[in-house]
Amino acid sequence: MIKYIFSKHATDMMKERNISEDWVWRALNDSENIFTGEDGNLHFSKVIAEKENHVLHVVVNPAISPKRIVTLFFDRRLRSKK
């Protein structure tokens, strides 16, 4: 099992943006899209049905152990049609 920790920024953004921890785990464990950014961070995205099918974007720094969740947000550029 992969271990992750939340950065202070990620925790703050969860509170500020009303993003549940459950949604973050869904994005990490059942992602619909994963890619590596130019900075080497992993980017996970997941449609959250409870949030009107908005796409949650979670950014993880994989270079440290445990892996650090850097930030998270609902990506306004993406929206599921489900």
PDB file of N, CA and C in Angstrom:
ATOM      1  N   MET A   1       0.833  -1.186   0.000  1.00  0.00           N
ATOM      2  CA  MET A   1       0.000   0.000   0.000  1.00  0.00           C
ATOM      3  C   MET A   1       0.878   1.250   0.000  1.00  0.00           C
ATOM      4  N   ILE A   2       0.576   2.174  -0.885  1.00  0.00           N
ATOM      5  CA  ILE A   2       1.340   3.414  -0.984  1.00  0.00           C
ATOM      6  C   ILE A   2       0.925   4.338   0.149  1.00  0.00           C
ATOM      7  N   LYS A   3       1.916   4.935   0.805  1.00  0.00           N
ATOM      8  CA  LYS A   3       1.627   5.871   1.886  1.00  0.00           C
ATOM      9  C   LYS A   3       1.757   7.305   1.379  1.00  0.00           C
ATOM     10  N   TYR A   4       0.824   8.132   1.813  1.00  0.00           N
ATOM     11  CA  TYR A   4       0.811   9.546   1.464  1.00  0.00           C
ATOM     12  C   TYR A   4       0.676  10.371   2.734  1.00  0.00           C
ATOM     13  N   ILE A   5       1.228  11.585   2.701  1.00  0.00           N
ATOM     14  CA  ILE A   5       0.977  12.559   3.761  1.00  0.00           C
ATOM     15  C   ILE A   5       0.484  13.845   3.101  1.00  0.00           C
ATOM     16  N   PHE A   6      -0.277  14.621   3.846  1.00  0.00           N
ATOM     17  CA  PHE A   6      -0.783  15.897   3.355  1.00  0.00           C
ATOM     18  C   PHE A   6       0.174  17.012   3.734  1.00  0.00           C
ATOM     19  N   SER A   7       0.504  17.874   2.783  1.00  0.00           N
ATOM     20  CA  SER A   7       1.248  19.082   3.125  1.00  0.00           C
ATOM     21  C   SER A   7       0.292  20.017   3.871  1.00  0.00           C
ATOM     22  N   LYS A   8       0.830  20.995   4.565  1.00  0.00           N
ATOM     23  CA  LYS A   8      -0.019  21.970   5.246  1.00  0.00           C
ATOM     24  C   LYS A   8      -0.891  22.685   4.225  1.00  0.00           C
ATOM     25  N   HIS A   9      -0.316  23.019   3.088  1.00  0.00           N
ATOM     26  CA  HIS A   9      -1.077  23.697   2.035  1.00  0.00           C
ATOM     27  C   HIS A   9      -2.262  22.838   1.588  1.00  0.00           C
ATOM     28  N   ALA A  10      -2.029  21.550   1.366  1.00  0.00           N
ATOM     29  CA  ALA A  10      -3.109  20.660   0.924  1.00  0.00           C
ATOM     30  C   ALA A  10      -4.215  20.593   1.972  1.00  0.00           C
ATOM     31  N   THR A  11      -3.833  20.487   3.235  1.00  0.00           N
ATOM     32  CA  THR A  11      -4.826  20.462   4.322  1.00  0.00           C
ATOM     33  C   THR A  11      -5.624  21.755   4.351  1.00  0.00           C
ATOM     34  N   ASP A  12      -4.940  22.877   4.216  1.00  0.00           N
ATOM     35  CA  ASP A  12      -5.620  24.174   4.186  1.00  0.00           C
ATOM     36  C   ASP A  12      -6.586  24.270   3.012  1.00  0.00           C
ATOM     37  N   MET A  13      -6.169  23.770   1.845  1.00  0.00           N
ATOM     38  CA  MET A  13      -7.017  23.835   0.654  1.00  0.00           C
ATOM     39  C   MET A  13      -8.241  22.930   0.792  1.00  0.00           C
ATOM     40  N   MET A  14      -8.077  21.784   1.467  1.00  0.00           N
ATOM     41  CA  MET A  14      -9.228  20.907   1.704  1.00  0.00           C
ATOM     42  C   MET A  14     -10.289  21.662   2.491  1.00  0.00           C
ATOM     43  N   LYS A  15      -9.865  22.354   3.524  1.00  0.00           N
ATOM     44  CA  LYS A  15     -10.810  23.114   4.354  1.00  0.00           C
ATOM     45  C   LYS A  15     -11.412  24.272   3.571  1.00  0.00           C
ATOM     46  N   GLU A  16     -10.570  25.045   2.923  1.00  0.00           N
ATOM     47  CA  GLU A  16     -11.019  26.243   2.195  1.00  0.00           C
ATOM     48  C   GLU A  16     -11.960  25.905   1.044  1.00  0.00           C
ATOM     49  N   ARG A  17     -11.689  24.790   0.373  1.00  0.00           N
ATOM     50  CA  ARG A  17     -12.455  24.427  -0.827  1.00  0.00           C
ATOM     51  C   ARG A  17     -13.519  23.358  -0.565  1.00  0.00           C
ATOM     52  N   ASN A  18     -13.707  23.012   0.704  1.00  0.00           N
ATOM     53  CA  ASN A  18     -14.701  22.004   1.093  1.00  0.00           C
ATOM     54  C   ASN A  18     -14.516  20.691   0.334  1.00  0.00           C
ATOM     55  N   ILE A  19     -13.292  20.197   0.342  1.00  0.00           N
ATOM     56  CA  ILE A  19     -12.952  18.936  -0.315  1.00  0.00           C
ATOM     57  C   ILE A  19     -12.774  17.884   0.774  1.00  0.00           C
ATOM     58  N   SER A  20     -13.565  16.824   0.693  1.00  0.00           N
ATOM     59  CA  SER A  20     -13.481  15.792   1.733  1.00  0.00           C
ATOM     60  C   SER A  20     -12.245  14.910   1.510  1.00  0.00           C
ATOM     61  N   GLU A  21     -11.732  14.400   2.609  1.00  0.00           N
ATOM     62  CA  GLU A  21     -10.575  13.518   2.540  1.00  0.00           C
ATOM     63  C   GLU A  21     -10.915  12.253   1.750  1.00  0.00           C
ATOM     64  N   ASP A  22     -12.154  11.792   1.875  1.00  0.00           N
ATOM     65  CA  ASP A  22     -12.602  10.622   1.128  1.00  0.00           C
ATOM     66  C   ASP A  22     -12.444  10.848  -0.381  1.00  0.00           C
ATOM     67  N   TRP A  23     -12.792  12.036  -0.842  1.00  0.00           N
ATOM     68  CA  TRP A  23     -12.654  12.338  -2.270  1.00  0.00           C
ATOM     69  C   TRP A  23     -11.192  12.298  -2.707  1.00  0.00           C
ATOM     70  N   VAL A  24     -10.308  12.779  -1.836  1.00  0.00           N
ATOM     71  CA  VAL A  24      -8.868  12.757  -2.150  1.00  0.00           C
ATOM     72  C   VAL A  24      -8.403  11.311  -2.305  1.00  0.00           C
ATOM     73  N   TRP A  25      -8.809  10.440  -1.364  1.00  0.00           N
ATOM     74  CA  TRP A  25      -8.398   9.030  -1.445  1.00  0.00           C
ATOM     75  C   TRP A  25      -8.967   8.368  -2.696  1.00  0.00           C
ATOM     76  N   ARG A  26     -10.191   8.733  -3.065  1.00  0.00           N
ATOM     77  CA  ARG A  26     -10.764   8.187  -4.303  1.00  0.00           C
ATOM     78  C   ARG A  26      -9.931   8.602  -5.512  1.00  0.00           C
ATOM     79  N   ALA A  27      -9.521   9.858  -5.544  1.00  0.00           N
ATOM     80  CA  ALA A  27      -8.707  10.346  -6.666  1.00  0.00           C
ATOM     81  C   ALA A  27      -7.376   9.600  -6.737  1.00  0.00           C
ATOM     82  N   LEU A  28      -6.791   9.338  -5.587  1.00  0.00           N
ATOM     83  CA  LEU A  28      -5.494   8.654  -5.567  1.00  0.00           C
ATOM     84  C   LEU A  28      -5.610   7.164  -5.865  1.00  0.00           C
ATOM     85  N   ASN A  29      -6.651   6.533  -5.356  1.00  0.00           N
ATOM     86  CA  ASN A  29      -6.771   5.072  -5.470  1.00  0.00           C
ATOM     87  C   ASN A  29      -7.592   4.597  -6.658  1.00  0.00           C
ATOM     88  N   ASP A  30      -8.398   5.471  -7.234  1.00  0.00           N
ATOM     89  CA  ASP A  30      -9.260   5.082  -8.352  1.00  0.00           C
ATOM     90  C   ASP A  30      -9.293   6.206  -9.391  1.00  0.00           C
ATOM     91  N   SER A  31      -8.130   6.687  -9.738  1.00  0.00           N
ATOM     92  CA  SER A  31      -8.001   7.830 -10.633  1.00  0.00           C
ATOM     93  C   SER A  31      -8.450   7.507 -12.052  1.00  0.00           C
ATOM     94  N   GLU A  32      -9.049   8.489 -12.693  1.00  0.00           N
ATOM     95  CA  GLU A  32      -9.434   8.331 -14.092  1.00  0.00           C
ATOM     96  C   GLU A  32      -8.318   8.781 -15.031  1.00  0.00           C
ATOM     97  N   ASN A  33      -7.381   9.567 -14.490  1.00  0.00           N
ATOM     98  CA  ASN A  33      -6.262  10.040 -15.297  1.00  0.00           C
ATOM     99  C   ASN A  33      -5.082  10.313 -14.369  1.00  0.00           C
ATOM    100  N   ILE A  34      -3.901   9.859 -14.765  1.00  0.00           N
ATOM    101  CA  ILE A  34      -2.671  10.127 -14.022  1.00  0.00           C
ATOM    102  C   ILE A  34      -1.615  10.549 -15.037  1.00  0.00           C
ATOM    103  N   PHE A  35      -0.923  11.655 -14.735  1.00  0.00           N
ATOM    104  CA  PHE A  35       0.197  12.028 -15.592  1.00  0.00           C
ATOM    105  C   PHE A  35       1.279  12.685 -14.750  1.00  0.00           C
ATOM    106  N   THR A  36       2.493  12.701 -15.286  1.00  0.00           N
ATOM    107  CA  THR A  36       3.621  13.346 -14.622  1.00  0.00           C
ATOM    108  C   THR A  36       3.799  14.727 -15.224  1.00  0.00           C
ATOM    109  N   GLY A  37       3.820  15.739 -14.360  1.00  0.00           N
ATOM    110  CA  GLY A  37       4.012  17.114 -14.806  1.00  0.00           C
ATOM    111  C   GLY A  37       5.470  17.388 -15.109  1.00  0.00           C
ATOM    112  N   GLU A  38       5.724  18.551 -15.682  1.00  0.00           N
ATOM    113  CA  GLU A  38       7.097  18.936 -16.023  1.00  0.00           C
ATOM    114  C   GLU A  38       7.989  19.018 -14.788  1.00  0.00           C
ATOM    115  N   ASP A  39       7.375  19.278 -13.627  1.00  0.00           N
ATOM    116  CA  ASP A  39       8.134  19.383 -12.382  1.00  0.00           C
ATOM    117  C   ASP A  39       8.370  18.033 -11.718  1.00  0.00           C
ATOM    118  N   GLY A  40       7.891  16.955 -12.327  1.00  0.00           N
ATOM    119  CA  GLY A  40       8.069  15.615 -11.777  1.00  0.00           C
ATOM    120  C   GLY A  40       6.966  15.187 -10.829  1.00  0.00           C
ATOM    121  N   ASN A  41       6.043  16.085 -10.520  1.00  0.00           N
ATOM    122  CA  ASN A  41       4.924  15.724  -9.645  1.00  0.00           C
ATOM    123  C   ASN A  41       3.908  14.886 -10.406  1.00  0.00           C
ATOM    124  N   LEU A  42       3.242  13.991  -9.671  1.00  0.00           N
ATOM    125  CA  LEU A  42       2.172  13.181 -10.253  1.00  0.00           C
ATOM    126  C   LEU A  42       0.855  13.929 -10.098  1.00  0.00           C
ATOM    127  N   HIS A  43       0.043  13.906 -11.139  1.00  0.00           N
ATOM    128  CA  HIS A  43      -1.247  14.582 -11.156  1.00  0.00           C
ATOM    129  C   HIS A  43      -2.332  13.518 -11.340  1.00  0.00           C
ATOM    130  N   PHE A  44      -3.254  13.458 -10.387  1.00  0.00           N
ATOM    131  CA  PHE A  44      -4.361  12.497 -10.401  1.00  0.00           C
ATOM    132  C   PHE A  44      -5.662  13.270 -10.586  1.00  0.00           C
ATOM    133  N   SER A  45      -6.589  12.726 -11.364  1.00  0.00           N
ATOM    134  CA  SER A  45      -7.897  13.378 -11.474  1.00  0.00           C
ATOM    135  C   SER A  45      -9.004  12.346 -11.357  1.00  0.00           C
ATOM    136  N   LYS A  46     -10.112  12.803 -10.775  1.00  0.00           N
ATOM    137  CA  LYS A  46     -11.248  11.917 -10.523  1.00  0.00           C
ATOM    138  C   LYS A  46     -12.527  12.746 -10.531  1.00  0.00           C
ATOM    139  N   VAL A  47     -13.543  12.265 -11.250  1.00  0.00           N
ATOM    140  CA  VAL A  47     -14.859  12.901 -11.241  1.00  0.00           C
ATOM    141  C   VAL A  47     -15.512  12.603  -9.897  1.00  0.00           C
ATOM    142  N   ILE A  48     -16.036  13.640  -9.267  1.00  0.00           N
ATOM    143  CA  ILE A  48     -16.718  13.493  -7.980  1.00  0.00           C
ATOM    144  C   ILE A  48     -18.203  13.746  -8.212  1.00  0.00           C
ATOM    145  N   ALA A  49     -18.976  12.672  -8.242  1.00  0.00           N
ATOM    146  CA  ALA A  49     -20.409  12.755  -8.543  1.00  0.00           C
ATOM    147  C   ALA A  49     -21.132  13.656  -7.554  1.00  0.00           C
ATOM    148  N   GLU A  50     -20.759  13.562  -6.277  1.00  0.00           N
ATOM    149  CA  GLU A  50     -21.424  14.349  -5.236  1.00  0.00           C
ATOM    150  C   GLU A  50     -21.189  15.843  -5.392  1.00  0.00           C
ATOM    151  N   LYS A  51     -20.220  16.220  -6.190  1.00  0.00           N
ATOM    152  CA  LYS A  51     -19.872  17.627  -6.413  1.00  0.00           C
ATOM    153  C   LYS A  51     -20.237  18.015  -7.851  1.00  0.00           C
ATOM    154  N   GLU A  52     -21.418  17.573  -8.279  1.00  0.00           N
ATOM    155  CA  GLU A  52     -21.957  17.910  -9.603  1.00  0.00           C
ATOM    156  C   GLU A  52     -21.003  17.513 -10.731  1.00  0.00           C
ATOM    157  N   ASN A  53     -20.349  16.370 -10.546  1.00  0.00           N
ATOM    158  CA  ASN A  53     -19.424  15.814 -11.540  1.00  0.00           C
ATOM    159  C   ASN A  53     -18.227  16.707 -11.852  1.00  0.00           C
ATOM    160  N   HIS A  54     -17.838  17.532 -10.882  1.00  0.00           N
ATOM    161  CA  HIS A  54     -16.608  18.294 -11.054  1.00  0.00           C
ATOM    162  C   HIS A  54     -15.422  17.341 -10.964  1.00  0.00           C
ATOM    163  N   VAL A  55     -14.317  17.729 -11.571  1.00  0.00           N
ATOM    164  CA  VAL A  55     -13.121  16.892 -11.595  1.00  0.00           C
ATOM    165  C   VAL A  55     -12.148  17.370 -10.511  1.00  0.00           C
ATOM    166  N   LEU A  56     -11.858  16.475  -9.561  1.00  0.00           N
ATOM    167  CA  LEU A  56     -10.890  16.775  -8.515  1.00  0.00           C
ATOM    168  C   LEU A  56      -9.499  16.459  -9.035  1.00  0.00           C
ATOM    169  N   HIS A  57      -8.601  17.398  -8.850  1.00  0.00           N
ATOM    170  CA  HIS A  57      -7.218  17.286  -9.305  1.00  0.00           C
ATOM    171  C   HIS A  57      -6.343  17.261  -8.050  1.00  0.00           C
ATOM    172  N   VAL A  58      -5.547  16.205  -7.892  1.00  0.00           N
ATOM    173  CA  VAL A  58      -4.675  16.054  -6.731  1.00  0.00           C
ATOM    174  C   VAL A  58      -3.235  15.946  -7.234  1.00  0.00           C
ATOM    175  N   VAL A  59      -2.349  16.783  -6.678  1.00  0.00           N
ATOM    176  CA  VAL A  59      -0.945  16.813  -7.099  1.00  0.00           C
ATOM    177  C   VAL A  59      -0.088  16.226  -5.973  1.00  0.00           C
ATOM    178  N   VAL A  60       0.763  15.257  -6.343  1.00  0.00           N
ATOM    179  CA  VAL A  60       1.579  14.522  -5.370  1.00  0.00           C
ATOM    180  C   VAL A  60       3.054  14.610  -5.747  1.00  0.00           C
ATOM    181  N   ASN A  61       3.889  14.879  -4.744  1.00  0.00           N
ATOM    182  CA  ASN A  61       5.341  14.818  -4.932  1.00  0.00           C
ATOM    183  C   ASN A  61       5.772  13.387  -4.625  1.00  0.00           C
ATOM    184  N   PRO A  62       6.184  12.625  -5.661  1.00  0.00           N
ATOM    185  CA  PRO A  62       6.553  11.230  -5.446  1.00  0.00           C
ATOM    186  C   PRO A  62       8.016  11.041  -5.073  1.00  0.00           C
ATOM    187  N   ALA A  63       8.794  12.136  -5.022  1.00  0.00           N
ATOM    188  CA  ALA A  63      10.236  12.030  -4.821  1.00  0.00           C
ATOM    189  C   ALA A  63      10.621  11.825  -3.357  1.00  0.00           C
ATOM    190  N   ILE A  64       9.658  11.969  -2.447  1.00  0.00           N
ATOM    191  CA  ILE A  64       9.948  11.786  -1.028  1.00  0.00           C
ATOM    192  C   ILE A  64       9.113  10.635  -0.483  1.00  0.00           C
ATOM    193  N   SER A  65       9.507  10.141   0.671  1.00  0.00           N
ATOM    194  CA  SER A  65       8.775   9.036   1.278  1.00  0.00           C
ATOM    195  C   SER A  65       8.400   9.412   2.705  1.00  0.00           C
ATOM    196  N   PRO A  66       7.130   9.323   3.069  1.00  0.00           N
ATOM    197  CA  PRO A  66       6.012   8.963   2.200  1.00  0.00           C
ATOM    198  C   PRO A  66       5.720  10.068   1.191  1.00  0.00           C
ATOM    199  N   LYS A  67       5.026   9.690   0.136  1.00  0.00           N
ATOM    200  CA  LYS A  67       4.693  10.643  -0.922  1.00  0.00           C
ATOM    201  C   LYS A  67       3.848  11.767  -0.330  1.00  0.00           C
ATOM    202  N   ARG A  68       4.088  13.015  -0.775  1.00  0.00           N
ATOM    203  CA  ARG A  68       3.402  14.168  -0.199  1.00  0.00           C
ATOM    204  C   ARG A  68       2.345  14.721  -1.153  1.00  0.00           C
ATOM    205  N   ILE A  69       1.123  14.866  -0.633  1.00  0.00           N
ATOM    206  CA  ILE A  69       0.053  15.521  -1.374  1.00  0.00           C
ATOM    207  C   ILE A  69       0.327  17.014  -1.275  1.00  0.00           C
ATOM    208  N   VAL A  70       0.657  17.627  -2.407  1.00  0.00           N
ATOM    209  CA  VAL A  70       1.104  19.008  -2.440  1.00  0.00           C
ATOM    210  C   VAL A  70      -0.074  19.975  -2.457  1.00  0.00           C
ATOM    211  N   THR A  71      -1.028  19.719  -3.337  1.00  0.00           N
ATOM    212  CA  THR A  71      -2.198  20.578  -3.451  1.00  0.00           C
ATOM    213  C   THR A  71      -3.329  19.795  -4.082  1.00  0.00           C
ATOM    214  N   LEU A  72      -4.519  20.384  -4.027  1.00  0.00           N
ATOM    215  CA  LEU A  72      -5.696  19.760  -4.626  1.00  0.00           C
ATOM    216  C   LEU A  72      -6.723  20.832  -4.917  1.00  0.00           C
ATOM    217  N   PHE A  73      -7.486  20.597  -5.978  1.00  0.00           N
ATOM    218  CA  PHE A  73      -8.476  21.595  -6.395  1.00  0.00           C
ATOM    219  C   PHE A  73      -9.444  20.968  -7.377  1.00  0.00           C
ATOM    220  N   PHE A  74     -10.602  21.604  -7.520  1.00  0.00           N
ATOM    221  CA  PHE A  74     -11.520  21.206  -8.574  1.00  0.00           C
ATOM    222  C   PHE A  74     -11.087  21.932  -9.833  1.00  0.00           C
ATOM    223  N   ASP A  75     -10.808  21.162 -10.871  1.00  0.00           N
ATOM    224  CA  ASP A  75     -10.276  21.716 -12.113  1.00  0.00           C
ATOM    225  C   ASP A  75     -11.425  22.278 -12.950  1.00  0.00           C
ATOM    226  N   ARG A  76     -11.508  23.581 -13.027  1.00  0.00           N
ATOM    227  CA  ARG A  76     -12.595  24.247 -13.737  1.00  0.00           C
ATOM    228  C   ARG A  76     -12.519  24.052 -15.249  1.00  0.00           C
ATOM    229  N   ARG A  77     -11.327  23.666 -15.730  1.00  0.00           N
ATOM    230  CA  ARG A  77     -11.175  23.432 -17.168  1.00  0.00           C
ATOM    231  C   ARG A  77     -11.780  22.102 -17.585  1.00  0.00           C
ATOM    232  N   LEU A  78     -11.944  21.208 -16.619  1.00  0.00           N
ATOM    233  CA  LEU A  78     -12.462  19.874 -16.905  1.00  0.00           C
ATOM    234  C   LEU A  78     -13.790  19.673 -16.190  1.00  0.00           C
ATOM    235  N   ARG A  79     -14.706  19.004 -16.840  1.00  0.00           N
ATOM    236  CA  ARG A  79     -15.959  18.658 -16.193  1.00  0.00           C
ATOM    237  C   ARG A  79     -16.517  17.430 -16.895  1.00  0.00           C
ATOM    238  N   SER A  80     -16.928  16.468 -16.120  1.00  0.00           N
ATOM    239  CA  SER A  80     -17.475  15.248 -16.680  1.00  0.00           C
ATOM    240  C   SER A  80     -18.885  15.493 -17.193  1.00  0.00           C
ATOM    241  N   LYS A  81     -19.257  14.759 -18.229  1.00  0.00           N
ATOM    242  CA  LYS A  81     -20.597  14.877 -18.766  1.00  0.00           C
ATOM    243  C   LYS A  81     -21.498  13.778 -18.219  1.00  0.00           C
ATOM    244  N   LYS A  82     -21.001  13.004 -17.257  1.00  0.00           N
ATOM    245  CA  LYS A  82     -21.762  11.890 -16.670  1.00  0.00           C
ATOM    246  C   LYS A  82     -22.984  12.397 -15.948  1.00  0.00           C
TER     247      LYS A  82
END
